[in-house]
């Protein structure tokens, strides 16, 4: 997997409007991608996957997931217009705020939400509780009670990322 260095240099206007913490970026390594694919397959059985990456950067991860997971389609939303403009692969991504997106059409959500401000992360969990049913992949342990009431913890898997080997949590949301 190729991490585009341009994704780390953001226009000052985006930093001011979104906050630097909410714009933190990283990716999976090749080994991490392999682990992610294997784990998704173990929970999705033979179901086709319609995945959505919340904070997709330039769409690198969804490009690779779509290649490695048969019968899968992936889309992504990224708050940084600059990062969306850096996309070099044929991916379905757009600039937007994941808190404004409709989560109902998807069967898998991926959120590299570890560095989000606590309030933003909790609003995302509450939104998922209201709008989503399926496999939720999160890098932070959920705390929103409405999310915890309608989800079932499945597993925590150590997955290699560009910054460390990190525990990633898998939940089934009902």
Protein backbone atom coordinates (compact mmCIF):
# COMPACT_ATOMS: atom_id res chain seq x y z
CA UNK A 1 0.00 0.00 0.00
CA UNK A 2 1.31 3.40 -0.95
CA UNK A 3 0.83 6.24 1.50
CA UNK A 4 0.72 9.51 -0.42
CA UNK A 5 2.83 12.13 1.44
CA UNK A 6 0.57 14.91 0.09
CA UNK A 7 -2.18 13.65 2.41
CA UNK A 8 -0.27 14.99 5.40
CA UNK A 9 0.11 18.58 4.20
CA UNK A 10 -3.23 20.32 4.48
CA UNK A 11 -4.35 23.82 3.56
CA UNK A 12 -4.50 26.06 6.64
CA UNK A 13 -8.18 26.81 5.94
CA UNK A 14 -9.05 23.11 6.38
CA UNK A 15 -7.10 22.91 9.63
CA UNK A 16 -8.97 25.95 10.97
CA UNK A 17 -12.42 24.72 9.88
CA UNK A 18 -12.07 21.03 10.90
CA UNK A 19 -9.47 21.07 13.67
CA UNK A 20 -6.10 19.39 13.39
CA UNK A 21 -7.05 16.48 15.65
CA UNK A 22 -10.00 15.54 13.41
CA UNK A 23 -7.70 15.57 10.38
CA UNK A 24 -5.15 13.06 11.74
CA UNK A 25 -4.37 10.49 9.05
CA UNK A 26 -2.81 7.05 8.78
CA UNK A 27 -3.29 3.80 6.90
CA UNK A 28 -2.89 0.06 7.09
CA UNK A 29 0.27 -1.71 5.96
CA UNK A 30 0.09 -4.63 3.49
CA UNK A 31 0.11 -7.01 6.45
CA UNK A 32 -2.59 -4.94 8.15
CA UNK A 33 -4.73 -5.04 5.01
CA UNK A 34 -4.43 -8.82 4.85
CA UNK A 35 -5.56 -9.11 8.49
CA UNK A 36 -8.44 -6.69 7.90
CA UNK A 37 -9.66 -8.65 4.86
CA UNK A 38 -9.46 -11.98 6.68
CA UNK A 39 -11.39 -10.58 9.67
CA UNK A 40 -14.13 -9.01 7.54
CA UNK A 41 -14.53 -12.30 5.65
CA UNK A 42 -14.89 -14.20 8.91
CA UNK A 43 -17.87 -12.08 9.95
CA UNK A 44 -19.54 -11.51 6.59
CA UNK A 45 -19.63 -15.20 5.55
CA UNK A 46 -20.76 -15.30 1.92
CA UNK A 47 -22.69 -12.02 2.05
CA UNK A 48 -21.78 -9.35 -0.45
CA UNK A 49 -20.24 -6.30 1.17
CA UNK A 50 -21.34 -2.73 0.59
CA UNK A 51 -18.76 -0.90 2.66
CA UNK A 52 -18.37 2.71 3.67
CA UNK A 53 -15.11 4.22 4.96
CA UNK A 54 -15.70 7.19 7.25
CA UNK A 55 -12.63 9.37 6.82
CA UNK A 56 -11.30 7.66 3.70
CA UNK A 57 -8.47 10.04 2.79
CA UNK A 58 -7.70 9.48 -0.89
CA UNK A 59 -9.57 6.14 -0.94
CA UNK A 60 -6.50 3.91 -0.77
CA UNK A 61 -7.98 1.47 1.75
CA UNK A 62 -11.31 1.07 -0.03
CA UNK A 63 -9.53 0.50 -3.32
CA UNK A 64 -7.60 -2.42 -1.82
CA UNK A 65 -10.59 -3.82 0.09
CA UNK A 66 -12.67 -3.87 -3.07
CA UNK A 67 -9.87 -5.73 -4.87
CA UNK A 68 -9.38 -8.30 -2.10
CA UNK A 69 -13.00 -8.93 -1.05
CA UNK A 70 -15.02 -10.66 -3.79
CA UNK A 71 -18.48 -9.21 -4.42
CA UNK A 72 -17.69 -6.04 -2.50
CA UNK A 73 -18.26 -2.41 -3.33
CA UNK A 74 -16.85 0.38 -1.22
CA UNK A 75 -17.44 4.10 -0.93
CA UNK A 76 -15.84 6.71 1.25
CA UNK A 77 -16.31 10.16 2.65
CA UNK A 78 -13.48 12.46 3.68
CA UNK A 79 -13.80 15.83 5.39
CA UNK A 80 -10.66 17.16 3.67
CA UNK A 81 -11.28 18.38 0.13
CA UNK A 82 -7.49 18.38 -0.34
CA UNK A 83 -7.25 14.64 0.41
CA UNK A 84 -10.14 13.78 -1.92
CA UNK A 85 -8.36 15.72 -4.68
CA UNK A 86 -5.28 13.50 -4.15
CA UNK A 87 -7.09 10.32 -5.25
CA UNK A 88 -5.20 8.54 -8.02
CA UNK A 89 -7.27 5.34 -8.14
CA UNK A 90 -10.75 4.71 -9.48
CA UNK A 91 -12.68 4.93 -6.20
CA UNK A 92 -16.08 6.28 -5.16
CA UNK A 93 -15.19 8.97 -2.64
CA UNK A 94 -16.42 12.47 -1.95
CA UNK A 95 -15.76 15.40 0.32
CA UNK A 96 -18.22 15.66 3.18
CA UNK A 97 -18.86 15.26 6.88
CA UNK A 98 -19.62 11.67 7.92
CA UNK A 99 -22.05 13.01 10.51
CA UNK A 100 -24.21 14.21 7.59
CA UNK A 101 -24.11 10.98 5.57
CA UNK A 102 -26.85 8.35 5.35
CA UNK A 103 -25.44 5.12 6.82
CA UNK A 104 -28.47 2.91 6.05
CA UNK A 105 -27.39 1.48 2.66
CA UNK A 106 -24.18 -0.10 3.94
CA UNK A 107 -23.38 -3.53 5.42
CA UNK A 108 -19.90 -2.61 6.73
CA UNK A 109 -18.66 0.65 8.23
CA UNK A 110 -14.97 1.35 8.74
CA UNK A 111 -13.98 4.28 10.95
CA UNK A 112 -10.36 5.03 11.73
CA UNK A 113 -11.71 7.24 14.50
CA UNK A 114 -8.98 6.93 17.10
CA UNK A 115 -7.87 10.55 16.90
CA UNK A 116 -11.28 12.18 16.66
CA UNK A 117 -12.29 14.62 19.35
CA UNK A 118 -14.33 12.71 21.95
CA UNK A 119 -17.55 14.60 21.21
CA UNK A 120 -17.31 13.92 17.48
CA UNK A 121 -16.60 10.23 18.06
CA UNK A 122 -19.57 9.88 20.41
CA UNK A 123 -21.90 11.66 17.96
CA UNK A 124 -20.75 9.19 15.30
CA UNK A 125 -21.51 6.23 17.58
CA UNK A 126 -25.00 7.63 18.29
CA UNK A 127 -25.60 8.16 14.57
CA UNK A 128 -24.57 4.56 13.88
CA UNK A 129 -27.01 3.39 16.56
CA UNK A 130 -29.84 5.20 14.79
CA UNK A 131 -29.03 4.42 11.15
CA UNK A 132 -26.90 1.32 10.69
CA UNK A 133 -27.17 -2.45 10.82
CA UNK A 134 -24.12 -4.52 10.01
CA UNK A 135 -20.43 -4.91 10.79
CA UNK A 136 -18.80 -1.86 12.40
CA UNK A 137 -15.00 -1.61 12.46
CA UNK A 138 -13.65 0.96 14.92
CA UNK A 139 -10.20 1.90 16.16
CA UNK A 140 -11.53 3.30 19.42
CA UNK A 141 -13.59 1.58 22.10
CA UNK A 142 -17.18 2.86 21.79
CA UNK A 143 -18.65 4.68 24.80
CA UNK A 144 -22.03 6.02 23.61
CA UNK A 145 -24.70 4.12 25.55
CA UNK A 146 -27.20 4.11 22.68
CA UNK A 147 -24.57 2.39 20.51
CA UNK A 148 -23.64 -0.12 23.21
CA UNK A 149 -27.30 -1.08 23.73
CA UNK A 150 -27.86 -2.13 20.11
CA UNK A 151 -24.50 -3.66 19.26
CA UNK A 152 -22.66 -6.84 20.08
CA UNK A 153 -18.91 -6.85 20.56
CA UNK A 154 -17.35 -9.48 18.31
CA UNK A 155 -13.59 -9.27 18.61
CA UNK A 156 -10.52 -7.08 18.91
CA UNK A 157 -7.80 -7.81 16.39
CA UNK A 158 -4.26 -6.44 16.37
CA UNK A 159 -3.78 -4.91 12.93
CA UNK A 160 -0.57 -3.39 11.63
CA UNK A 161 -0.93 0.27 10.68
CA UNK A 162 1.54 2.88 9.47
CA UNK A 163 1.93 4.19 13.02
CA UNK A 164 1.87 0.96 15.13
CA UNK A 165 0.19 -2.41 15.52
CA UNK A 166 -3.16 -1.29 16.82
CA UNK A 167 -6.16 -3.07 18.37
CA UNK A 168 -9.16 -2.69 16.05
CA UNK A 169 -12.60 -3.55 17.38
CA UNK A 170 -15.34 -5.33 15.47
CA UNK A 171 -19.01 -4.95 16.45
CA UNK A 172 -22.24 -6.31 15.02
CA UNK A 173 -24.85 -3.56 15.07
CA UNK A 174 -28.55 -4.54 15.11
